[in-house]
Protein backbone atom coordinates (compact mmCIF):
# COMPACT_ATOMS: atom_id res chain seq x y z
CA MET A 1 0.07 -0.03 -0.03
CA LYS A 2 2.86 2.33 0.90
CA LYS A 3 4.48 1.65 -2.57
CA LYS A 4 1.15 2.40 -4.25
CA ILE A 5 0.86 5.79 -2.49
CA LEU A 6 4.31 6.68 -3.27
CA PHE A 7 3.89 5.86 -6.91
CA TYR A 8 0.79 8.11 -7.19
CA TYR A 9 2.57 10.85 -5.19
CA ASN A 10 5.48 10.88 -7.56
CA ARG A 11 3.09 11.06 -10.51
CA ILE A 12 1.38 14.14 -8.97
CA ARG A 13 4.73 15.76 -8.16
CA GLU A 14 5.53 15.62 -11.96
CA HIS A 15 2.85 18.37 -12.52
CA LEU A 16 4.19 21.81 -12.07
CA TRP A 17 1.17 23.04 -10.19
CA PHE A 18 1.40 20.67 -7.23
CA ILE A 19 4.14 22.24 -5.01
CA PRO A 20 3.05 25.74 -5.64
CA LEU A 21 -0.52 24.67 -4.63
CA VAL A 22 0.68 23.20 -1.27
CA PHE A 23 2.75 26.43 -0.61
CA CYS A 24 -0.32 28.62 -1.38
CA LEU A 25 -2.46 26.57 1.09
CA ILE A 26 0.22 26.86 3.79
CA SER A 27 0.49 30.70 3.13
CA VAL A 28 -3.27 31.00 3.46
CA ALA A 29 -3.23 28.96 6.65
CA ILE A 30 -0.40 31.00 8.19
CA ALA A 31 -2.15 34.41 7.43
CA LEU A 32 -5.41 33.19 8.99
CA ILE A 33 -3.76 31.34 11.99
CA ALA A 34 -1.95 34.36 13.07
CA HIS A 35 -5.24 35.70 14.34
CA ARG A 36 -5.12 33.13 17.08
CA ALA A 37 -2.19 35.05 18.79
CA ASP A 38 -4.65 37.87 19.64
CA GLY A 39 -6.34 35.74 22.39
CA SER A 40 -3.09 34.75 24.05
CA SER A 41 -0.77 36.69 26.47
CA LEU A 42 1.31 37.90 23.62
CA ASN A 43 -1.05 40.92 23.42
CA ASN A 44 0.68 42.41 26.53
CA LEU A 45 4.26 41.50 25.57
CA VAL A 46 4.65 42.57 21.91
CA PRO A 47 5.18 46.13 20.66
CA ILE A 48 2.49 47.95 18.74
CA ILE A 49 2.95 47.88 15.03
CA LYS A 50 1.04 50.36 12.96
CA ALA A 51 -1.15 48.90 10.29
CA GLU A 52 0.23 51.38 7.79
CA THR A 53 3.81 49.80 8.18
CA ILE A 54 2.51 46.27 7.68
CA GLU A 55 0.39 47.33 4.71
CA GLY A 56 3.21 49.03 3.12
CA LEU A 57 5.46 45.95 3.35
CA LEU A 58 2.66 43.62 2.12
CA ASP A 59 2.22 45.90 -0.95
CA ILE A 60 5.82 45.83 -1.77
CA LEU A 61 5.83 41.96 -1.28
CA SER A 62 2.67 41.42 -3.42
CA ALA A 63 3.85 43.72 -6.25
CA SER A 64 7.41 42.30 -6.44
CA MET A 65 6.23 38.68 -6.05
CA LEU A 66 3.78 38.95 -8.97
CA VAL A 67 6.52 40.12 -11.23
CA ILE A 68 9.01 37.65 -10.12
CA SER A 69 6.59 34.74 -10.38
CA ILE A 70 5.82 35.67 -13.97
CA PHE A 71 9.63 35.95 -14.74
CA ALA A 72 10.24 32.52 -13.13
CA VAL A 73 7.57 30.68 -15.16
CA ALA A 74 8.79 32.28 -18.37
CA SER A 75 12.37 31.27 -17.57
CA MET A 76 11.26 27.79 -16.56
CA LEU A 77 9.34 27.20 -19.77
CA SER A 78 12.38 28.48 -21.74
CA ALA A 79 14.65 26.03 -20.01
CA PHE A 80 11.97 23.12 -20.50
CA SER A 81 12.03 23.86 -24.23
CA ALA A 82 15.59 23.92 -24.56
CA ALA A 83 15.91 20.60 -22.73
CA GLY A 84 13.51 18.96 -25.16
CA SER A 85 15.10 20.45 -28.24
CA THR A 86 18.82 20.08 -27.43
CA ALA A 87 18.67 16.80 -25.47
CA THR A 88 15.56 14.61 -25.93
CA PRO A 89 11.88 15.06 -25.36
CA ARG A 90 12.12 12.11 -22.76
CA SER A 91 14.15 14.43 -20.49
CA PHE A 92 11.27 16.85 -20.18
CA LYS A 93 9.61 15.10 -17.16
CA ILE A 94 13.13 15.06 -15.34
CA VAL A 95 13.67 18.86 -15.98
CA VAL A 96 10.17 19.92 -14.89
CA THR A 97 10.55 18.16 -11.58
CA ASP A 98 13.64 20.07 -10.76
CA ASP A 99 13.42 20.61 -6.99
CA VAL A 100 15.22 23.95 -6.90
CA SER A 101 13.05 25.57 -9.49
CA GLN A 102 9.75 24.07 -8.20
CA TYR A 103 10.41 25.29 -4.70
CA ALA A 104 11.56 28.67 -5.90
CA LEU A 105 8.42 29.22 -8.01
CA SER A 106 6.43 28.00 -4.97
CA THR A 107 8.06 30.38 -2.62
CA PHE A 108 7.42 33.35 -4.87
CA ILE A 109 3.64 32.36 -5.42
CA GLY A 110 3.23 31.54 -1.75
CA ALA A 111 4.65 34.89 -0.64
CA PHE A 112 2.37 36.69 -3.14
CA ILE A 113 -0.72 34.76 -1.86
CA PHE A 114 0.28 35.43 1.64
CA SER A 115 0.52 39.07 1.04
CA ILE A 116 -2.87 39.27 -0.65
CA VAL A 117 -4.69 37.46 2.09
CA ALA A 118 -2.89 39.28 4.84
CA THR A 119 -3.77 42.68 3.26
CA VAL A 120 -7.44 41.76 3.05
CA ALA A 121 -7.34 40.62 6.56
CA MET A 122 -5.71 43.83 7.76
CA ASP A 123 -8.32 45.85 5.75
CA ILE A 124 -11.31 44.34 7.58
CA GLY A 125 -9.56 44.45 11.08
CA TYR A 126 -9.02 40.79 11.44
CA TYR A 127 -5.91 41.26 13.57
CA ASN A 128 -5.33 42.96 17.00
CA GLN A 129 -2.01 43.92 18.50
CA ALA A 130 -0.49 40.31 18.71
CA GLY A 131 -1.80 39.29 15.35
CA LYS A 132 -0.29 42.36 13.54
CA PHE A 133 2.95 41.73 15.27
CA ILE A 134 3.06 38.04 14.07
CA ILE A 135 2.12 39.07 10.48
CA PHE A 136 4.98 41.89 10.65
CA LEU A 137 7.45 39.07 11.71
CA ILE A 138 6.33 36.61 9.02
CA THR A 139 6.55 39.38 6.36
CA LEU A 140 10.08 40.20 7.30
CA ILE A 141 10.99 36.46 7.28
CA LEU A 142 9.46 36.13 3.88
CA PHE A 143 11.50 38.91 2.55
CA VAL A 144 14.70 37.28 3.69
CA LEU A 145 13.57 33.84 2.37
CA VAL A 146 12.65 35.21 -1.02
CA ILE A 147 16.01 36.84 -1.45
CA LEU A 148 17.88 33.65 -0.55
CA VAL A 149 15.68 31.52 -2.69
CA PHE A 150 15.96 33.89 -5.62
CA LEU A 151 19.84 33.87 -5.42
CA ARG A 152 19.84 30.14 -5.41
CA TRP A 153 17.24 29.96 -8.11
CA VAL A 154 19.25 32.25 -10.46
CA ASP A 155 22.20 30.05 -10.15
CA ARG A 156 20.17 26.98 -11.05
CA ILE A 157 18.09 28.48 -13.85
CA SER A 158 21.34 29.59 -15.60
CA ARG A 159 22.17 25.85 -15.94
CA LEU A 160 18.65 24.35 -16.27
CA GLY A 161 17.99 23.16 -19.73
CA ARG A 162 21.63 23.22 -20.77
CA LEU A 163 22.66 20.07 -22.37
CA GLU A 164 25.30 19.18 -20.06
CA HIS A 165 23.20 19.78 -16.98
CA THR A 166 20.27 17.79 -18.57
CA ILE A 167 22.62 14.86 -19.20
CA MET A 168 23.58 14.94 -15.44
CA GLN A 169 19.97 15.02 -14.46
CA VAL A 170 19.03 11.98 -16.69
CA GLU A 171 22.05 10.17 -15.44
CA ALA A 172 21.12 10.80 -11.88
CA VAL A 173 17.60 9.43 -12.47
CA ALA A 174 18.88 6.47 -14.49
CA THR A 175 21.43 5.68 -11.62
CA LYS A 176 18.65 5.58 -9.08
CA SER A 177 16.29 3.39 -11.17
CA LEU A 178 19.16 0.96 -12.24
CA SER A 179 20.54 0.77 -8.79
CA ASN A 180 17.02 -0.34 -7.36
CA TYR A 181 16.73 -2.87 -10.13
CA ILE A 182 20.21 -4.33 -9.48
CA LYS A 183 19.52 -4.67 -5.74
CA ASN A 184 16.18 -6.16 -6.35
CA PRO A 185 15.67 -7.49 -9.98
CA LEU A 186 12.79 -9.72 -9.07
CA LEU A 187 10.65 -7.26 -7.10
CA ASN A 188 11.21 -9.35 -4.07
CA ALA A 189 9.40 -12.24 -5.87
CA LEU A 190 10.71 -15.55 -7.30
CA PRO A 191 12.49 -15.99 -10.63
CA ILE A 192 10.85 -17.83 -13.52
CA THR A 193 11.96 -21.33 -13.57
CA GLY A 194 10.92 -24.21 -15.91
CA LYS A 195 7.56 -24.55 -17.44
CA PHE A 196 4.21 -23.44 -16.04
CA PRO A 197 1.82 -26.51 -16.55
CA ASP A 198 -1.83 -25.82 -16.54
CA GLY A 199 -1.28 -22.12 -16.51
CA LYS A 200 -4.22 -19.89 -17.62
CA SER A 201 -3.62 -16.75 -19.56
CA VAL A 202 -4.63 -13.39 -18.04
CA PHE A 203 -5.08 -10.92 -20.98
CA ALA A 204 -4.34 -7.12 -20.51
CA ASP A 205 -7.42 -4.83 -20.51
CA SER A 206 -5.58 -1.82 -22.05
CA THR A 207 -2.85 -0.94 -24.45
CA GLY A 208 0.32 0.97 -23.30
CA TYR A 209 3.55 0.71 -21.33
CA VAL A 210 3.55 -1.05 -17.93
CA GLN A 211 4.39 1.78 -15.49
CA HIS A 212 4.07 0.02 -12.15
CA ILE A 213 3.11 -3.45 -10.68
CA ASN A 214 1.39 -3.59 -7.28
CA MET A 215 3.02 -6.78 -5.81
CA ASP A 216 1.23 -6.51 -2.57
CA ALA A 217 -2.20 -6.72 -4.27
CA LEU A 218 -1.03 -9.81 -6.47
CA GLN A 219 0.36 -11.53 -3.27
CA GLU A 220 -2.93 -10.87 -1.48
CA LEU A 221 -4.92 -12.29 -4.30
CA SER A 222 -2.60 -15.34 -4.47
CA LYS A 223 -3.07 -16.14 -0.79
CA GLU A 224 -6.78 -15.49 -0.94
CA LEU A 225 -7.37 -17.92 -3.87
CA ASP A 226 -4.51 -20.16 -3.59
CA LEU A 227 -2.96 -18.99 -6.77
CA LYS A 228 0.49 -19.23 -8.39
CA ILE A 229 1.09 -16.29 -10.51
CA ARG A 230 3.77 -15.96 -13.18
CA LEU A 231 4.02 -12.53 -14.61
CA ASN A 232 4.81 -12.00 -18.23
CA CYS A 233 5.49 -8.23 -18.07
CA ILE A 234 7.62 -5.79 -16.01
CA PRO A 235 7.63 -1.94 -15.84
CA GLY A 236 8.65 -0.62 -19.34
CA LYS A 237 7.11 -3.43 -21.28
CA PHE A 238 4.60 -2.44 -24.02
CA ILE A 239 1.41 -4.57 -23.87
CA HIS A 240 -1.97 -4.72 -25.66
CA LYS A 241 -5.36 -6.36 -25.21
CA ASN A 242 -4.29 -9.71 -26.87
CA PHE A 243 -1.14 -9.86 -24.74
CA ALA A 244 -1.08 -12.32 -21.76
CA SER A 245 0.31 -10.07 -18.98
CA ALA A 246 0.31 -12.98 -16.50
CA PHE A 247 -0.33 -16.63 -16.14
CA ILE A 248 -2.19 -18.17 -13.19
CA ARG A 249 -2.44 -21.57 -11.77
CA SER A 250 -4.75 -22.88 -8.91
CA SER A 251 -5.72 -26.13 -7.31
CA LYS A 252 -9.19 -24.72 -6.85
CA VAL A 253 -11.98 -23.79 -9.23
CA VAL A 254 -11.65 -20.02 -9.69
CA ASP A 255 -13.41 -17.24 -11.40
CA MET A 256 -11.17 -16.20 -14.21
CA ASN A 257 -13.21 -12.91 -14.87
CA GLU A 258 -12.64 -11.84 -11.32
CA ILE A 259 -8.92 -12.78 -11.39
CA THR A 260 -8.39 -11.08 -14.73
CA GLN A 261 -9.96 -7.84 -13.33
CA LYS A 262 -7.81 -7.83 -10.11
CA VAL A 263 -4.64 -8.77 -11.88
CA ASN A 264 -5.13 -5.90 -14.31
CA ASP A 265 -5.99 -3.52 -11.59
CA ALA A 266 -2.61 -4.31 -10.04
CA ILE A 267 -0.82 -3.44 -13.24
CA ASP A 268 -0.67 0.20 -14.07
CA VAL A 269 -0.61 1.00 -17.71
CA GLY A 270 0.01 4.36 -19.29
CA HIS A 271 0.79 5.98 -22.60
CA THR A 272 4.56 6.66 -21.74
CA ARG A 273 7.35 4.96 -19.88
CA LEU A 274 8.40 6.17 -16.50
CA PHE A 275 12.07 6.44 -15.21
CA GLU A 276 11.23 5.41 -11.65
CA ASP A 277 10.51 1.50 -12.08
CA ASP A 278 11.87 1.10 -15.60
CA PRO A 279 15.64 0.59 -15.38
CA ARG A 280 16.10 0.66 -19.21
CA PHE A 281 14.47 3.94 -19.78
CA GLY A 282 17.26 6.06 -18.44
CA LEU A 283 19.70 4.26 -20.71
CA ILE A 284 17.45 4.82 -23.66
CA ALA A 285 17.07 8.56 -22.99
CA LEU A 286 20.87 8.95 -22.71
CA SER A 287 21.36 7.04 -25.94
CA GLU A 288 18.75 9.31 -27.68
CA ILE A 289 20.78 12.32 -26.58
CA ALA A 290 23.98 10.71 -28.03
CA SER A 291 22.20 9.90 -31.33
CA ARG A 292 20.91 13.50 -31.67
CA ALA A 293 24.34 14.88 -31.09
CA LEU A 294 25.76 12.57 -33.76
CA SER A 295 23.32 13.53 -36.38
CA SER A 296 24.67 15.42 -39.48
CA GLY A 297 22.74 18.56 -38.54
CA ILE A 298 24.42 18.86 -35.09
CA ASN A 299 27.66 16.95 -35.51
CA ASP A 300 28.68 17.06 -31.72
CA PRO A 301 30.92 13.99 -31.08
CA GLY A 302 31.91 15.37 -27.79
CA THR A 303 28.45 14.95 -26.28
CA ALA A 304 28.30 11.25 -27.61
CA ILE A 305 31.56 10.61 -25.83
CA GLN A 306 30.27 12.03 -22.65
CA ILE A 307 27.17 9.71 -22.91
CA ILE A 308 29.49 6.80 -23.31
CA GLY A 309 31.05 7.70 -20.06
CA SER A 310 27.60 7.97 -18.47
CA HIS A 311 26.75 4.56 -19.67
CA GLU A 312 30.01 3.19 -18.29
CA ARG A 313 29.40 4.58 -14.81
CA LEU A 314 25.81 3.00 -14.92
CA PHE A 315 27.07 -0.39 -15.77
CA PHE A 316 29.62 -0.26 -12.89
CA LEU A 317 26.79 -0.28 -10.67
CA TRP A 318 26.73 -4.03 -11.10
CA ASN A 319 30.37 -4.03 -9.90
CA ASP A 320 29.30 -1.98 -6.68
CA GLU A 321 26.56 -4.35 -6.02
CA ILE A 322 28.83 -7.42 -6.30
CA GLU A 323 31.34 -5.77 -3.86
CA ASN A 324 28.50 -5.07 -1.50
CA ASN A 325 26.98 -8.63 -1.89
CA THR A 326 23.57 -7.84 -0.68
CA GLU A 327 20.70 -10.23 -0.81
CA THR A 328 17.02 -9.42 -0.98
CA ASP A 329 14.25 -11.21 0.90
CA VAL A 330 11.50 -13.11 -1.01
CA LEU A 331 8.36 -11.21 0.22
CA TYR A 332 6.09 -12.58 -2.58
CA ASP A 333 6.50 -16.35 -2.78
CA CYS A 334 3.53 -16.91 -4.96
CA ILE A 335 4.66 -14.74 -7.83
CA GLU A 336 7.39 -15.32 -10.45
CA VAL A 337 8.86 -12.34 -12.09
CA PRO A 338 10.85 -12.23 -15.33
CA GLN A 339 14.33 -10.66 -15.52
CA ILE A 340 15.76 -8.25 -18.01
CA SER A 341 18.42 -9.79 -20.24
CA MET A 342 21.84 -8.20 -20.00
CA VAL A 343 21.83 -8.06 -23.87
CA ASP A 344 18.80 -5.67 -23.62
CA PHE A 345 20.80 -3.16 -21.40
CA PHE A 346 23.76 -3.22 -23.80
CA ASP A 347 21.37 -2.77 -26.74
CA ASP A 348 19.89 0.24 -25.05
CA ALA A 349 23.19 1.86 -24.13
CA PHE A 350 25.63 1.05 -26.99
CA ARG A 351 23.76 0.00 -30.20
CA PRO A 352 22.47 3.48 -31.09
CA VAL A 353 25.98 4.95 -30.56
CA SER A 354 27.75 2.11 -32.45
CA ARG A 355 25.38 2.75 -35.35
CA ASP A 356 25.29 6.58 -35.49
CA GLY A 357 28.96 7.16 -34.49
CA SER A 358 30.42 4.65 -36.92
CA GLU A 359 31.95 7.40 -39.07
CA ASN A 360 33.75 8.99 -36.23
CA ILE A 361 37.13 7.45 -35.10
CA GLU A 362 37.14 9.27 -31.62
CA VAL A 363 33.48 7.99 -30.87
CA MET A 364 34.60 4.50 -31.89
CA LEU A 365 37.75 4.57 -29.86
CA ARG A 366 35.90 5.76 -26.72
CA LEU A 367 33.39 3.06 -27.30
CA GLN A 368 36.10 0.32 -27.31
CA LYS A 369 37.64 1.76 -24.31
CA ALA A 370 34.35 1.56 -22.49
CA PHE A 371 34.08 -2.22 -23.49
CA ASN A 372 37.63 -2.87 -22.13
CA SER A 373 36.60 -1.27 -18.90
CA LEU A 374 33.25 -3.18 -18.58
CA LYS A 375 35.24 -6.31 -19.18
CA THR A 376 36.90 -5.76 -15.73
CA ILE A 377 33.55 -6.10 -13.92
CA ASN A 378 33.34 -9.37 -11.98
CA ASN A 379 30.20 -10.52 -13.99
CA ALA A 380 30.56 -13.38 -16.54
CA GLU A 381 27.58 -12.22 -18.56
CA ILE A 382 28.86 -8.63 -18.78
CA LYS A 383 32.31 -9.75 -19.83
CA ALA A 384 30.85 -12.02 -22.53
CA ILE A 385 28.55 -9.45 -23.95
CA ALA A 386 31.24 -6.66 -23.89
CA ILE A 387 33.42 -8.84 -26.10
CA GLN A 388 30.44 -9.46 -28.41
CA TYR A 389 29.64 -5.64 -28.71
CA SER A 390 33.23 -4.79 -29.13
CA GLU A 391 33.09 -6.88 -32.36
CA PHE A 392 29.76 -5.48 -33.17
CA ALA A 393 30.98 -1.87 -32.87
CA PHE A 394 34.01 -2.57 -34.89
CA ASP A 395 31.88 -4.05 -37.65
CA SER A 396 29.83 -0.83 -37.71
CA ALA A 397 33.08 1.20 -37.90
CA LYS A 398 34.18 -0.84 -40.94
CA LEU A 399 31.17 0.35 -42.85
CA GLY A 400 31.58 4.02 -41.66
CA LEU A 401 35.33 4.78 -41.39
CA LYS A 402 36.95 5.55 -44.74
CA LEU A 403 40.66 5.55 -43.69
CA LYS A 404 42.29 2.04 -43.34
CA HIS A 405 44.80 3.80 -40.77
CA ASP A 406 41.82 4.52 -38.46
CA LEU A 407 40.46 1.04 -38.73
CA ASP A 408 43.99 -0.34 -37.84
CA ILE A 409 44.20 1.88 -34.76
CA LEU A 410 40.52 0.87 -33.78
CA GLU A 411 41.16 -2.82 -34.33
CA LYS A 412 44.18 -2.76 -31.91
CA LYS A 413 41.76 -1.57 -29.20
CA CYS A 414 39.04 -4.15 -29.69
CA LEU A 415 38.40 -6.88 -27.09
CA PHE A 416 38.27 -9.64 -29.58
CA ASN A 417 41.87 -9.16 -30.46
CA LYS A 418 43.12 -9.58 -26.85
């Protein structure tokens, strides 16, 4: 249940209006709750603050915050547009959830709403001596807070939407998603082993990408009806109404319509992939940035080389996991979950760069250095596929590179020659 709530909370946070709305509600609450100080002993302790003084400060705050909020929105929209056009449209969701920008905009709008509500309350005589003093203090605090937030935000907005900063943001999200997968590739369930005799197909009721699977709901269903469930999809998989998203087996007579409904309710399907539970999506987004950089219209091999370095760091997460040697507990012993093939990870990360960078010797050399580096990871599957991809990248280079001298240099760096 907690994972389900967190999943939907993260979806709401992706909308630009959510955090500003929360700050607005807090601002209104503070402006109204300040009245409660009037009935306390503070009335006899605090100095008298003239209403004109407070109203003057509130007028300055409201006028300046409205202008800054409009400026902030315009700057953020410009940064979002730049991220989509210079990197990849898939990076938009990452850039739009930038915490510094969202909290800055929320602070500006929250301060504006507070000043409006407090001004109206002052005009109708809502506050007495203590209430006015509290509003005066809060207004001064807001001035200081707005200045600090603005200075921090100016530093961030100068980088937000820039290609290098967007790459760092995408890599950070990919690192988090891939780390979670490496630590728990089976979602705390069992691996798929052998055949699944007498298994009945559960077909999907919608078409789109699997975004999240509620394992708690599936386990509860399994215990309730004495089921064994073998999932045929994981987050990131594209499914349709003729696709068997799961197979079930039971020693009892069960209502397949009821089971189909409950299984489909546990599998969230959407129009787009999400970075959170999909470990491949981050690699794909980075590869798209590299492919765009290598296009003839842009011709930026340096960005592609930077992306190869990002992929290399991501694959070394497997090395970190081997060193930590952590094991996950099986919490869902009635469910079997498919694993992602290591070949798929290599395809997502290196195939587009091998194809689109085949005419550039610098990109091809950096790619071979990456494969040499990945071969040092203490994982037999990664070692074997790194050698295969070294040969694949060299075959692509033979079609793209024109000079035999370049090919000779590249061949010496290839893993299959060592």
